[in-house]
């Protein structure tokens, strides 16, 4: 015996509950979906700001108000990864770095290169009091590249050593089998990190 109401009575409430559940989902706002590129850009911004604070202290630029922003490749001069504009009188500067989404490598691989660009621009700021001519520009770029690469390499080498390593071990150059050996995509050559 099917009872007083029959099987049709049970089908209606089940369909009603199912309809209301599906309809409620349609009215709810979709969850915020962030693409890998957006996540990378957010990570890069956080990374660059943290590294800027570190390098400002390391390079004795704490009295400067420096900000870092990422720009798309189309907003930078061709074949550049960044630039800096400063006002020495106000001790303010803005460093522009190639946006993480414009790198042709994974985000994790772009961050170290972005840090080298950041340090490169900070070295330009350090040298800004020196006389500069169009003829000396090429030599300055060469020197700034070498100094920035050396500073970042030394910092990463120091960070990779175990705690308590003596000064001689910290000063030793990494060997070619080091996990920090990396060829940078920015065209500055091979740099050991």
C-alpha atoms as a PDB file:
ATOM      1  CA  UNK A   1       0.000   0.000   0.000  1.00  0.00           C
ATOM      2  CA  UNK A   2       1.333   3.405  -0.918  1.00  0.00           C
ATOM      3  CA  UNK A   3      -0.336   5.291   1.846  1.00  0.00           C
ATOM      4  CA  UNK A   4      -2.835   8.073   1.837  1.00  0.00           C
ATOM      5  CA  UNK A   5      -0.954  10.515  -0.445  1.00  0.00           C
ATOM      6  CA  UNK A   6       0.849   8.218  -2.899  1.00  0.00           C
ATOM      7  CA  UNK A   7       4.418   8.607  -4.251  1.00  0.00           C
ATOM      8  CA  UNK A   8       3.651  11.899  -5.992  1.00  0.00           C
ATOM      9  CA  UNK A   9       3.449  13.645  -2.637  1.00  0.00           C
ATOM     10  CA  UNK A  10       7.119  12.880  -1.849  1.00  0.00           C
ATOM     11  CA  UNK A  11       8.368  13.961  -5.274  1.00  0.00           C
ATOM     12  CA  UNK A  12       7.013  17.513  -4.975  1.00  0.00           C
ATOM     13  CA  UNK A  13       8.906  18.480  -1.752  1.00  0.00           C
ATOM     14  CA  UNK A  14      12.102  16.941  -3.074  1.00  0.00           C
ATOM     15  CA  UNK A  15      11.824  18.895  -6.322  1.00  0.00           C
ATOM     16  CA  UNK A  16      11.003  22.089  -4.391  1.00  0.00           C
ATOM     17  CA  UNK A  17      14.071  21.737  -2.153  1.00  0.00           C
ATOM     18  CA  UNK A  18      16.247  20.952  -5.171  1.00  0.00           C
ATOM     19  CA  UNK A  19      14.894  23.966  -7.067  1.00  0.00           C
ATOM     20  CA  UNK A  20      15.443  26.343  -4.147  1.00  0.00           C
ATOM     21  CA  UNK A  21      18.995  25.049  -3.621  1.00  0.00           C
ATOM     22  CA  UNK A  22      19.918  25.539  -7.277  1.00  0.00           C
ATOM     23  CA  UNK A  23      18.144  28.897  -7.481  1.00  0.00           C
ATOM     24  CA  UNK A  24      19.898  30.165  -4.352  1.00  0.00           C
ATOM     25  CA  UNK A  25      23.247  29.244  -5.911  1.00  0.00           C
ATOM     26  CA  UNK A  26      22.335  31.221  -9.031  1.00  0.00           C
ATOM     27  CA  UNK A  27      21.591  34.355  -6.981  1.00  0.00           C
ATOM     28  CA  UNK A  28      24.705  34.140  -4.855  1.00  0.00           C
ATOM     29  CA  UNK A  29      27.771  36.074  -6.006  1.00  0.00           C
ATOM     30  CA  UNK A  30      30.368  33.900  -7.667  1.00  0.00           C
ATOM     31  CA  UNK A  31      33.497  33.324  -5.613  1.00  0.00           C
ATOM     32  CA  UNK A  32      36.375  35.648  -6.340  1.00  0.00           C
ATOM     33  CA  UNK A  33      38.620  33.888  -8.807  1.00  0.00           C
ATOM     34  CA  UNK A  34      42.173  35.197  -9.139  1.00  0.00           C
ATOM     35  CA  UNK A  35      44.219  34.135 -12.093  1.00  0.00           C
ATOM     36  CA  UNK A  36      47.780  32.924 -11.741  1.00  0.00           C
ATOM     37  CA  UNK A  37      48.937  36.235 -13.238  1.00  0.00           C
ATOM     38  CA  UNK A  38      47.051  38.216 -10.582  1.00  0.00           C
ATOM     39  CA  UNK A  39      48.482  36.069  -7.812  1.00  0.00           C
ATOM     40  CA  UNK A  40      51.969  36.520  -9.254  1.00  0.00           C
ATOM     41  CA  UNK A  41      51.568  40.299  -9.459  1.00  0.00           C
ATOM     42  CA  UNK A  42      50.391  40.422  -5.830  1.00  0.00           C
ATOM     43  CA  UNK A  43      53.316  38.245  -4.724  1.00  0.00           C
ATOM     44  CA  UNK A  44      55.740  40.389  -6.702  1.00  0.00           C
ATOM     45  CA  UNK A  45      54.427  43.620  -5.160  1.00  0.00           C
ATOM     46  CA  UNK A  46      54.785  42.220  -1.667  1.00  0.00           C
ATOM     47  CA  UNK A  47      58.230  40.798  -2.440  1.00  0.00           C
ATOM     48  CA  UNK A  48      59.494  44.041  -3.988  1.00  0.00           C
ATOM     49  CA  UNK A  49      58.268  46.181  -1.100  1.00  0.00           C
ATOM     50  CA  UNK A  50      59.918  43.883   1.436  1.00  0.00           C
ATOM     51  CA  UNK A  51      63.177  43.823  -0.526  1.00  0.00           C
ATOM     52  CA  UNK A  52      63.061  47.599  -0.993  1.00  0.00           C
ATOM     53  CA  UNK A  53      62.901  48.047   2.786  1.00  0.00           C
ATOM     54  CA  UNK A  54      65.837  45.654   3.210  1.00  0.00           C
ATOM     55  CA  UNK A  55      68.012  47.268   0.537  1.00  0.00           C
ATOM     56  CA  UNK A  56      67.228  50.809   1.681  1.00  0.00           C
ATOM     57  CA  UNK A  57      68.679  49.937   5.071  1.00  0.00           C
ATOM     58  CA  UNK A  58      71.574  47.988   3.571  1.00  0.00           C
ATOM     59  CA  UNK A  59      72.518  50.870   1.248  1.00  0.00           C
ATOM     60  CA  UNK A  60      72.002  53.577   3.887  1.00  0.00           C
ATOM     61  CA  UNK A  61      69.062  55.105   2.034  1.00  0.00           C
ATOM     62  CA  UNK A  62      66.671  54.984   4.976  1.00  0.00           C
ATOM     63  CA  UNK A  63      66.304  58.773   4.920  1.00  0.00           C
ATOM     64  CA  UNK A  64      64.842  58.586   1.402  1.00  0.00           C
ATOM     65  CA  UNK A  65      61.159  58.031   0.693  1.00  0.00           C
ATOM     66  CA  UNK A  66      61.314  55.447  -2.079  1.00  0.00           C
ATOM     67  CA  UNK A  67      58.435  53.615  -3.677  1.00  0.00           C
ATOM     68  CA  UNK A  68      58.445  50.806  -6.186  1.00  0.00           C
ATOM     69  CA  UNK A  69      55.795  50.244  -8.843  1.00  0.00           C
ATOM     70  CA  UNK A  70      55.466  47.660 -11.556  1.00  0.00           C
ATOM     71  CA  UNK A  71      54.857  48.786 -15.120  1.00  0.00           C
ATOM     72  CA  UNK A  72      53.922  46.853 -18.210  1.00  0.00           C
ATOM     73  CA  UNK A  73      56.647  46.461 -20.841  1.00  0.00           C
ATOM     74  CA  UNK A  74      54.840  48.931 -23.094  1.00  0.00           C
ATOM     75  CA  UNK A  75      55.244  51.619 -20.422  1.00  0.00           C
ATOM     76  CA  UNK A  76      59.035  51.204 -20.213  1.00  0.00           C
ATOM     77  CA  UNK A  77      61.668  52.050 -22.775  1.00  0.00           C
ATOM     78  CA  UNK A  78      62.360  49.146 -25.128  1.00  0.00           C
ATOM     79  CA  UNK A  79      64.823  46.568 -23.824  1.00  0.00           C
ATOM     80  CA  UNK A  80      64.705  47.918 -20.257  1.00  0.00           C
ATOM     81  CA  UNK A  81      63.522  46.230 -17.097  1.00  0.00           C
ATOM     82  CA  UNK A  82      63.117  49.326 -14.971  1.00  0.00           C
ATOM     83  CA  UNK A  83      64.074  52.892 -14.236  1.00  0.00           C
ATOM     84  CA  UNK A  84      64.247  55.375 -11.398  1.00  0.00           C
ATOM     85  CA  UNK A  85      63.249  59.004 -11.064  1.00  0.00           C
ATOM     86  CA  UNK A  86      64.338  60.965  -7.999  1.00  0.00           C
ATOM     87  CA  UNK A  87      64.234  64.376  -6.427  1.00  0.00           C
ATOM     88  CA  UNK A  88      67.456  64.819  -4.455  1.00  0.00           C
ATOM     89  CA  UNK A  89      66.200  67.929  -2.681  1.00  0.00           C
ATOM     90  CA  UNK A  90      63.119  66.163  -1.333  1.00  0.00           C
ATOM     91  CA  UNK A  91      64.907  62.808  -1.020  1.00  0.00           C
ATOM     92  CA  UNK A  92      62.122  61.012  -2.841  1.00  0.00           C
ATOM     93  CA  UNK A  93      62.343  58.433  -5.579  1.00  0.00           C
ATOM     94  CA  UNK A  94      60.089  56.160  -7.610  1.00  0.00           C
ATOM     95  CA  UNK A  95      61.495  52.929  -8.981  1.00  0.00           C
ATOM     96  CA  UNK A  96      59.645  51.374 -11.878  1.00  0.00           C
ATOM     97  CA  UNK A  97      60.136  47.647 -12.466  1.00  0.00           C
ATOM     98  CA  UNK A  98      58.866  45.426 -15.260  1.00  0.00           C
ATOM     99  CA  UNK A  99      55.513  43.912 -14.267  1.00  0.00           C
ATOM    100  CA  UNK A 100      55.700  40.274 -13.225  1.00  0.00           C
ATOM    101  CA  UNK A 101      53.081  39.349 -15.814  1.00  0.00           C
ATOM    102  CA  UNK A 102      55.418  40.487 -18.613  1.00  0.00           C
ATOM    103  CA  UNK A 103      58.146  37.985 -17.737  1.00  0.00           C
ATOM    104  CA  UNK A 104      58.362  34.948 -19.982  1.00  0.00           C
ATOM    105  CA  UNK A 105      59.234  32.714 -17.024  1.00  0.00           C
ATOM    106  CA  UNK A 106      57.336  31.426 -14.015  1.00  0.00           C
ATOM    107  CA  UNK A 107      56.624  33.935 -11.259  1.00  0.00           C
ATOM    108  CA  UNK A 108      59.029  32.242  -8.866  1.00  0.00           C
ATOM    109  CA  UNK A 109      61.807  32.641 -11.440  1.00  0.00           C
ATOM    110  CA  UNK A 110      60.936  36.291 -12.159  1.00  0.00           C
ATOM    111  CA  UNK A 111      61.216  37.492  -8.551  1.00  0.00           C
ATOM    112  CA  UNK A 112      65.015  37.189  -8.257  1.00  0.00           C
ATOM    113  CA  UNK A 113      65.434  39.111 -11.504  1.00  0.00           C
ATOM    114  CA  UNK A 114      63.045  41.793 -10.291  1.00  0.00           C
ATOM    115  CA  UNK A 115      65.157  42.157  -7.153  1.00  0.00           C
ATOM    116  CA  UNK A 116      68.306  42.654  -9.239  1.00  0.00           C
ATOM    117  CA  UNK A 117      66.466  45.394 -11.162  1.00  0.00           C
ATOM    118  CA  UNK A 118      65.417  47.006  -7.868  1.00  0.00           C
ATOM    119  CA  UNK A 119      68.985  46.974  -6.526  1.00  0.00           C
ATOM    120  CA  UNK A 120      70.286  48.197  -9.898  1.00  0.00           C
ATOM    121  CA  UNK A 121      68.051  51.267  -9.670  1.00  0.00           C
ATOM    122  CA  UNK A 122      69.032  51.870  -6.034  1.00  0.00           C
ATOM    123  CA  UNK A 123      72.699  51.832  -7.058  1.00  0.00           C
ATOM    124  CA  UNK A 124      71.876  54.506  -9.652  1.00  0.00           C
ATOM    125  CA  UNK A 125      70.405  56.542  -6.793  1.00  0.00           C
ATOM    126  CA  UNK A 126      73.576  56.050  -4.751  1.00  0.00           C
ATOM    127  CA  UNK A 127      75.665  57.302  -7.673  1.00  0.00           C
ATOM    128  CA  UNK A 128      73.351  60.186  -8.538  1.00  0.00           C
ATOM    129  CA  UNK A 129      75.640  62.786  -6.929  1.00  0.00           C
ATOM    130  CA  UNK A 130      78.484  61.898  -9.295  1.00  0.00           C
ATOM    131  CA  UNK A 131      78.948  63.895 -12.487  1.00  0.00           C
ATOM    132  CA  UNK A 132      77.216  62.327 -15.454  1.00  0.00           C
ATOM    133  CA  UNK A 133      77.660  62.884 -19.153  1.00  0.00           C
ATOM    134  CA  UNK A 134      76.174  61.148 -22.175  1.00  0.00           C
ATOM    135  CA  UNK A 135      79.646  59.728 -22.825  1.00  0.00           C
ATOM    136  CA  UNK A 136      79.854  58.204 -19.327  1.00  0.00           C
ATOM    137  CA  UNK A 137      76.359  56.686 -19.444  1.00  0.00           C
ATOM    138  CA  UNK A 138      77.458  53.366 -20.946  1.00  0.00           C
ATOM    139  CA  UNK A 139      80.274  52.927 -18.426  1.00  0.00           C
ATOM    140  CA  UNK A 140      77.911  53.836 -15.604  1.00  0.00           C
ATOM    141  CA  UNK A 141      75.427  51.167 -16.722  1.00  0.00           C
ATOM    142  CA  UNK A 142      78.192  48.595 -16.873  1.00  0.00           C
ATOM    143  CA  UNK A 143      79.397  49.499 -13.362  1.00  0.00           C
ATOM    144  CA  UNK A 144      75.862  49.614 -11.937  1.00  0.00           C
ATOM    145  CA  UNK A 145      75.108  46.176 -13.407  1.00  0.00           C
ATOM    146  CA  UNK A 146      78.240  44.705 -11.855  1.00  0.00           C
ATOM    147  CA  UNK A 147      77.642  46.329  -8.454  1.00  0.00           C
ATOM    148  CA  UNK A 148      73.968  45.337  -8.303  1.00  0.00           C
ATOM    149  CA  UNK A 149      74.714  41.768  -9.341  1.00  0.00           C
ATOM    150  CA  UNK A 150      77.504  41.504  -6.754  1.00  0.00           C
ATOM    151  CA  UNK A 151      75.348  42.904  -3.959  1.00  0.00           C
ATOM    152  CA  UNK A 152      72.470  40.545  -4.664  1.00  0.00           C
ATOM    153  CA  UNK A 153      74.813  37.581  -5.146  1.00  0.00           C
ATOM    154  CA  UNK A 154      76.479  38.239  -1.799  1.00  0.00           C
ATOM    155  CA  UNK A 155      73.155  38.603  -0.045  1.00  0.00           C
ATOM    156  CA  UNK A 156      71.835  35.333  -1.466  1.00  0.00           C
ATOM    157  CA  UNK A 157      75.073  33.539  -0.779  1.00  0.00           C
ATOM    158  CA  UNK A 158      74.935  34.713   2.819  1.00  0.00           C
ATOM    159  CA  UNK A 159      71.306  33.615   3.139  1.00  0.00           C
ATOM    160  CA  UNK A 160      72.105  30.143   1.794  1.00  0.00           C
ATOM    161  CA  UNK A 161      74.830  29.422   4.357  1.00  0.00           C
ATOM    162  CA  UNK A 162      73.973  27.569   7.560  1.00  0.00           C
ATOM    163  CA  UNK A 163      73.743  29.581  10.755  1.00  0.00           C
ATOM    164  CA  UNK A 164      77.090  29.981  12.469  1.00  0.00           C
ATOM    165  CA  UNK A 165      79.156  29.760   9.302  1.00  0.00           C
ATOM    166  CA  UNK A 166      82.412  31.600   9.779  1.00  0.00           C
ATOM    167  CA  UNK A 167      83.352  34.747   7.893  1.00  0.00           C
ATOM    168  CA  UNK A 168      85.720  32.918   5.548  1.00  0.00           C
ATOM    169  CA  UNK A 169      82.946  30.560   4.452  1.00  0.00           C
ATOM    170  CA  UNK A 170      80.601  33.494   3.909  1.00  0.00           C
ATOM    171  CA  UNK A 171      83.193  35.295   1.802  1.00  0.00           C
ATOM    172  CA  UNK A 172      84.036  32.280  -0.354  1.00  0.00           C
ATOM    173  CA  UNK A 173      82.705  32.386  -3.895  1.00  0.00           C
ATOM    174  CA  UNK A 174      80.072  29.776  -4.731  1.00  0.00           C
ATOM    175  CA  UNK A 175      81.163  26.953  -6.980  1.00  0.00           C
ATOM    176  CA  UNK A 176      79.689  26.402 -10.433  1.00  0.00           C
ATOM    177  CA  UNK A 177      77.531  23.539  -9.095  1.00  0.00           C
ATOM    178  CA  UNK A 178      75.787  25.871  -6.665  1.00  0.00           C
ATOM    179  CA  UNK A 179      71.976  25.795  -6.764  1.00  0.00           C
ATOM    180  CA  UNK A 180      72.186  29.592  -6.901  1.00  0.00           C
ATOM    181  CA  UNK A 181      73.908  29.597 -10.307  1.00  0.00           C
ATOM    182  CA  UNK A 182      71.373  31.139 -12.611  1.00  0.00           C
ATOM    183  CA  UNK A 183      71.382  32.753 -16.001  1.00  0.00           C
ATOM    184  CA  UNK A 184      69.168  35.796 -15.817  1.00  0.00           C
ATOM    185  CA  UNK A 185      66.598  36.449 -18.542  1.00  0.00           C
ATOM    186  CA  UNK A 186      67.253  40.190 -18.530  1.00  0.00           C
ATOM    187  CA  UNK A 187      70.387  40.071 -20.630  1.00  0.00           C
ATOM    188  CA  UNK A 188      72.816  41.116 -17.924  1.00  0.00           C
ATOM    189  CA  UNK A 189      74.597  37.829 -18.351  1.00  0.00           C
ATOM    190  CA  UNK A 190      75.035  34.905 -16.062  1.00  0.00           C
ATOM    191  CA  UNK A 191      74.917  35.775 -12.405  1.00  0.00           C
ATOM    192  CA  UNK A 192      75.594  33.481  -9.485  1.00  0.00           C
ATOM    193  CA  UNK A 193      73.081  33.888  -6.680  1.00  0.00           C
END
